[in-house]
Amino acid sequence: MVVAAIPIAMAFVRALLTVDGRFAGPDNFTRILSNPELAGSIRATLVYAVIVVPTEVLVGLGLATLVHRTVRRGWMRGLIYILASIPIVIPMIAVGVTFRLIYAADYGLLNVVLGGSGKGQILWLSDPILAMLAVASVDVWQWTPFVFLVLFAGFQTVHHEAVEAAEVDGAGPWARFRHIELPYLRPLLVLVVFFRLADVMWVFDHVYVLTGGGPGTTTQFLSLFMYKVAFRFDQMGPASALSAMVMVVMTVVYFAINRYLPKESAR
């Protein structure tokens, strides 16, 4: 807790200081909010979140439901756990480099395969729409297994007696999921959405490796924008001010969710 609190406190302090250490008041906040690139980075982050978070949650939930209902052998479930954990533990820089070898225009594996079928070369990382989809696909590949593991663990808390009683009463798979299993999973779904949103706000490594924020500023998310302001333009104060504002927003969201969870868990 202390280790995490120190850099957070330093960010808030740095947001109130000038380069030479004098008190800046709200100047750093005013400067970052008036930056013309801020709106574009917020928009790009929101587009990215809209793509990856629902995809990861829906696919992860679908996989968790499928495995829970079809895989009964313990060794097979254990094997699935291990395979699902592999993408999560791979360093994101390594993931970015690997996917760059896949999406590269001239030597990328994907273009080699498509070129062999006569579809020609596609500029995956140079086209604005394709670049956004490319970086989003990396996030989906790496973090959908996390959603799957969390929700599959939630399935294990469902009372088997309730499921068996519903089956006896003639409830189909969808009715069992909606009325019995979903109430158990709803708190976990809320937490998963929050965790993924928090990660999206700070996504950096694989995006920097794949596109560097380009083409143009298409994939310049908030994290890359802060990096650019802090280290390329040497404006640590405004970058810290933006970081502080993002942390405040996410803290408010967290406490709102924290108040909501007990009501859902008590059902």
Protein backbone atom coordinates (compact mmCIF):
# COMPACT_ATOMS: atom_id res chain seq x y z
CA MET A 1 0.00 0.00 0.00
CA VAL A 2 2.78 2.42 0.96
CA VAL A 3 4.78 1.55 -2.16
CA ALA A 4 1.76 2.34 -4.34
CA ALA A 5 0.84 5.50 -2.41
CA ILE A 6 4.25 7.15 -2.76
CA PRO A 7 4.24 7.61 -6.58
CA ILE A 8 0.58 8.63 -6.48
CA ALA A 9 1.34 11.32 -3.89
CA MET A 10 4.36 12.44 -5.92
CA ALA A 11 2.18 12.81 -9.03
CA PHE A 12 -0.26 15.06 -7.16
CA VAL A 13 2.59 17.15 -5.72
CA ARG A 14 4.33 17.40 -9.09
CA ALA A 15 1.08 18.57 -10.66
CA LEU A 16 1.22 21.67 -8.46
CA LEU A 17 4.86 22.61 -9.15
CA THR A 18 6.71 24.31 -11.98
CA VAL A 19 9.85 22.90 -13.62
CA ASP A 20 12.07 24.73 -11.12
CA GLY A 21 10.02 23.53 -8.12
CA ARG A 22 7.91 26.63 -7.46
CA PHE A 23 4.21 26.45 -6.62
CA ALA A 24 2.22 26.60 -9.87
CA GLY A 25 -1.31 26.41 -8.52
CA PRO A 26 -3.81 25.45 -11.23
CA ASP A 27 -1.49 26.47 -14.10
CA ASN A 28 -0.47 22.90 -14.98
CA PHE A 29 -4.11 21.81 -15.06
CA THR A 30 -5.01 24.77 -17.28
CA ARG A 31 -2.14 24.05 -19.67
CA ILE A 32 -2.97 20.39 -20.12
CA LEU A 33 -6.70 21.03 -20.50
CA SER A 34 -6.01 23.63 -23.18
CA ASN A 35 -3.73 21.28 -25.16
CA PRO A 36 -5.39 20.74 -28.56
CA GLU A 37 -4.34 17.07 -28.64
CA LEU A 38 -6.07 16.17 -25.37
CA ALA A 39 -9.55 15.84 -26.89
CA GLY A 40 -8.22 13.54 -29.60
CA SER A 41 -6.46 11.30 -27.08
CA ILE A 42 -9.61 11.06 -24.96
CA ARG A 43 -11.65 10.19 -28.03
CA ALA A 44 -9.14 7.55 -29.13
CA THR A 45 -9.13 6.04 -25.62
CA LEU A 46 -12.93 5.88 -25.57
CA VAL A 47 -13.04 4.22 -28.99
CA TYR A 48 -10.45 1.70 -27.85
CA ALA A 49 -12.42 1.00 -24.66
CA VAL A 50 -15.67 0.54 -26.59
CA ILE A 51 -13.94 -2.04 -28.81
CA VAL A 52 -11.96 -4.07 -26.30
CA VAL A 53 -14.00 -4.08 -23.08
CA PRO A 54 -17.32 -5.41 -24.44
CA THR A 55 -15.46 -7.88 -26.68
CA GLU A 56 -13.38 -9.26 -23.81
CA VAL A 57 -16.34 -9.48 -21.44
CA LEU A 58 -18.70 -11.14 -23.93
CA VAL A 59 -16.12 -13.59 -25.31
CA GLY A 60 -14.77 -14.36 -21.83
CA LEU A 61 -18.29 -14.93 -20.52
CA GLY A 62 -19.13 -17.15 -23.49
CA LEU A 63 -16.01 -19.25 -23.02
CA ALA A 64 -16.59 -19.55 -19.27
CA THR A 65 -20.16 -20.70 -19.86
CA LEU A 66 -19.09 -23.18 -22.53
CA VAL A 67 -16.32 -24.73 -20.44
CA HIS A 68 -18.48 -24.84 -17.32
CA ARG A 69 -21.26 -26.72 -19.08
CA THR A 70 -19.29 -29.01 -21.38
CA VAL A 71 -15.95 -29.82 -19.72
CA ARG A 72 -16.35 -32.10 -16.71
CA ARG A 73 -12.99 -33.82 -16.37
CA GLY A 74 -10.73 -32.21 -13.80
CA TRP A 75 -7.50 -32.71 -15.76
CA MET A 76 -9.00 -31.10 -18.83
CA ARG A 77 -10.18 -28.09 -16.86
CA GLY A 78 -6.72 -27.80 -15.34
CA LEU A 79 -5.16 -27.84 -18.80
CA ILE A 80 -7.54 -25.08 -19.92
CA TYR A 81 -6.58 -23.01 -16.85
CA ILE A 82 -2.90 -23.30 -17.75
CA LEU A 83 -3.44 -22.42 -21.40
CA ALA A 84 -5.63 -19.45 -20.48
CA SER A 85 -2.97 -18.14 -18.08
CA ILE A 86 -0.20 -18.06 -20.68
CA PRO A 87 -1.21 -14.85 -22.52
CA ILE A 88 -1.66 -13.01 -19.20
CA VAL A 89 1.86 -13.67 -17.90
CA ILE A 90 3.71 -12.79 -21.14
CA PRO A 91 5.30 -9.30 -20.89
CA MET A 92 3.34 -6.79 -22.93
CA ILE A 93 6.47 -5.56 -24.71
CA ALA A 94 7.07 -9.10 -25.95
CA VAL A 95 3.45 -9.36 -27.03
CA GLY A 96 3.76 -6.08 -28.93
CA VAL A 97 6.91 -7.21 -30.73
CA THR A 98 5.28 -10.54 -31.65
CA PHE A 99 2.18 -8.91 -33.07
CA ARG A 100 4.30 -6.40 -34.97
CA LEU A 101 5.84 -9.37 -36.75
CA ILE A 102 2.29 -10.42 -37.59
CA TYR A 103 0.95 -7.03 -38.74
CA ALA A 104 4.05 -5.58 -40.45
CA ALA A 105 3.24 -4.53 -44.02
CA ASP A 106 6.22 -5.95 -45.88
CA TYR A 107 7.30 -8.98 -43.85
CA GLY A 108 4.35 -9.59 -41.53
CA LEU A 109 2.95 -13.10 -41.22
CA LEU A 110 -0.61 -11.97 -41.90
CA ASN A 111 0.28 -10.27 -45.17
CA VAL A 112 2.41 -13.25 -46.19
CA VAL A 113 -0.60 -15.52 -45.73
CA LEU A 114 -3.00 -13.14 -47.48
CA GLY A 115 -0.48 -12.47 -50.23
CA GLY A 116 -0.25 -16.17 -50.87
CA SER A 117 -3.99 -16.23 -51.46
CA GLY A 118 -3.84 -13.34 -53.92
CA LYS A 119 -5.32 -10.61 -51.72
CA GLY A 120 -2.18 -8.48 -51.78
CA GLN A 121 -0.50 -6.35 -49.15
CA ILE A 122 -2.51 -4.57 -46.45
CA LEU A 123 -1.10 -1.66 -44.42
CA TRP A 124 -2.41 -2.83 -41.07
CA LEU A 125 -0.50 -0.29 -38.97
CA SER A 126 -0.69 2.65 -41.37
CA ASP A 127 -4.43 2.83 -41.95
CA PRO A 128 -6.28 4.62 -39.09
CA ILE A 129 -9.12 2.10 -38.80
CA LEU A 130 -6.95 -0.98 -39.25
CA ALA A 131 -4.35 0.34 -36.80
CA MET A 132 -7.00 0.79 -34.11
CA LEU A 133 -8.33 -2.72 -34.75
CA ALA A 134 -4.79 -4.13 -34.72
CA VAL A 135 -3.87 -2.71 -31.31
CA ALA A 136 -7.30 -3.68 -29.99
CA SER A 137 -6.82 -7.27 -31.17
CA VAL A 138 -3.68 -7.53 -29.05
CA ASP A 139 -5.56 -6.42 -25.95
CA VAL A 140 -8.40 -8.84 -26.67
CA TRP A 141 -5.97 -11.73 -27.19
CA GLN A 142 -4.09 -11.06 -23.97
CA TRP A 143 -6.89 -10.16 -21.55
CA THR A 144 -9.92 -12.17 -22.64
CA PRO A 145 -8.39 -15.18 -20.79
CA PHE A 146 -8.34 -13.07 -17.61
CA VAL A 147 -12.08 -12.41 -17.95
CA PHE A 148 -12.64 -16.10 -18.67
CA LEU A 149 -10.74 -17.24 -15.56
CA VAL A 150 -12.54 -14.79 -13.25
CA LEU A 151 -16.01 -15.63 -14.54
CA PHE A 152 -15.35 -19.35 -14.64
CA ALA A 153 -14.40 -19.13 -10.95
CA GLY A 154 -17.72 -17.37 -10.42
CA PHE A 155 -19.57 -20.27 -12.01
CA GLN A 156 -18.14 -22.53 -9.30
CA THR A 157 -20.06 -20.55 -6.64
CA VAL A 158 -23.46 -21.32 -8.21
CA HIS A 159 -25.49 -23.71 -6.06
CA HIS A 160 -25.89 -26.99 -7.91
CA GLU A 161 -29.19 -27.64 -6.13
CA ALA A 162 -30.75 -24.55 -7.68
CA VAL A 163 -29.54 -25.53 -11.15
CA GLU A 164 -30.83 -29.09 -10.77
CA ALA A 165 -34.20 -27.85 -9.51
CA ALA A 166 -34.49 -25.54 -12.53
CA GLU A 167 -33.68 -28.41 -14.87
CA VAL A 168 -36.37 -30.54 -13.24
CA ASP A 169 -38.85 -27.68 -13.73
CA GLY A 170 -38.01 -27.63 -17.44
CA ALA A 171 -35.83 -24.51 -17.56
CA GLY A 172 -33.64 -24.35 -20.66
CA PRO A 173 -29.97 -23.31 -20.81
CA TRP A 174 -30.79 -19.63 -21.37
CA ALA A 175 -33.35 -19.53 -18.54
CA ARG A 176 -30.88 -21.18 -16.14
CA PHE A 177 -28.19 -18.71 -17.09
CA ARG A 178 -30.40 -15.63 -16.82
CA HIS A 179 -32.24 -16.43 -13.60
CA ILE A 180 -29.75 -18.55 -11.64
CA GLU A 181 -26.17 -18.16 -12.84
CA LEU A 182 -26.16 -14.49 -13.87
CA PRO A 183 -27.05 -13.17 -10.37
CA TYR A 184 -23.95 -14.93 -9.02
CA LEU A 185 -21.79 -13.58 -11.83
CA ARG A 186 -23.06 -9.98 -11.83
CA PRO A 187 -20.71 -8.67 -9.08
CA LEU A 188 -17.76 -10.26 -10.85
CA LEU A 189 -18.86 -8.80 -14.16
CA VAL A 190 -18.94 -5.33 -12.62
CA LEU A 191 -15.46 -5.76 -11.18
CA VAL A 192 -14.09 -7.17 -14.42
CA VAL A 193 -15.46 -4.20 -16.37
CA PHE A 194 -13.86 -1.80 -13.88
CA PHE A 195 -10.48 -3.55 -13.98
CA ARG A 196 -10.46 -3.59 -17.77
CA LEU A 197 -11.47 0.07 -17.96
CA ALA A 198 -8.68 0.95 -15.53
CA ASP A 199 -6.18 -0.97 -17.66
CA VAL A 200 -7.43 0.72 -20.82
CA MET A 201 -6.75 4.12 -19.27
CA TRP A 202 -3.06 3.19 -18.88
CA VAL A 203 -2.50 0.95 -21.90
CA PHE A 204 0.91 1.76 -23.31
CA ASP A 205 3.45 -0.98 -24.06
CA HIS A 206 2.06 -2.86 -27.02
CA VAL A 207 0.56 0.29 -28.56
CA TYR A 208 3.93 2.07 -28.39
CA VAL A 209 5.64 -0.91 -30.02
CA LEU A 210 3.03 -1.39 -32.74
CA THR A 211 2.09 2.16 -33.79
CA GLY A 212 3.77 4.67 -31.46
CA GLY A 213 0.39 6.42 -31.32
CA GLY A 214 -0.01 6.64 -35.08
CA PRO A 215 -0.89 6.87 -37.81
CA GLY A 216 -1.08 10.54 -36.91
CA THR A 217 -2.72 10.51 -33.50
CA THR A 218 -5.24 7.74 -34.24
CA THR A 219 -3.93 5.45 -31.49
CA GLN A 220 -2.47 8.15 -29.25
CA PHE A 221 -4.33 7.14 -26.11
CA LEU A 222 -4.18 9.05 -22.84
CA SER A 223 -1.14 7.13 -21.63
CA LEU A 224 0.83 7.84 -24.81
CA PHE A 225 -0.28 11.47 -24.73
CA MET A 226 0.98 11.82 -21.15
CA TYR A 227 4.27 10.18 -22.13
CA LYS A 228 4.62 12.57 -25.06
CA VAL A 229 3.93 15.64 -22.92
CA ALA A 230 6.21 14.53 -20.09
CA PHE A 231 9.25 13.19 -21.92
CA ARG A 232 9.20 14.56 -25.45
CA PHE A 233 8.04 18.07 -24.56
CA ASP A 234 9.61 17.99 -21.06
CA GLN A 235 6.39 19.20 -19.38
CA MET A 236 6.24 16.99 -16.34
CA GLY A 237 3.89 19.29 -14.46
CA PRO A 238 1.02 19.24 -17.00
CA ALA A 239 1.50 15.49 -17.54
CA SER A 240 1.29 14.91 -13.77
CA ALA A 241 -1.82 17.10 -13.65
CA LEU A 242 -3.52 14.92 -16.28
CA SER A 243 -2.42 11.78 -14.45
CA ALA A 244 -3.90 13.15 -11.21
CA MET A 245 -7.21 13.93 -12.90
CA VAL A 246 -7.42 10.44 -14.39
CA MET A 247 -6.69 8.89 -10.99
CA VAL A 248 -9.42 11.00 -9.37
CA VAL A 249 -11.95 9.93 -12.00
CA MET A 250 -11.07 6.25 -11.62
CA THR A 251 -11.20 6.54 -7.81
CA VAL A 252 -14.70 7.99 -7.99
CA VAL A 253 -15.76 5.17 -10.32
CA TYR A 254 -14.25 2.60 -7.96
CA PHE A 255 -16.08 3.90 -4.88
CA ALA A 256 -19.33 4.06 -6.83
CA ILE A 257 -18.89 0.42 -7.83
CA ASN A 258 -17.82 -0.53 -4.29
CA ARG A 259 -21.11 0.80 -2.93
CA TYR A 260 -23.04 -1.07 -5.59
CA LEU A 261 -21.42 -4.46 -5.11
CA PRO A 262 -22.83 -5.44 -1.67
CA LYS A 263 -26.39 -5.00 -2.91
CA GLU A 264 -25.70 -7.31 -5.83
CA SER A 265 -23.81 -9.84 -3.71
CA ALA A 266 -26.61 -10.08 -1.22
CA ARG A 267 -29.08 -11.37 -3.79
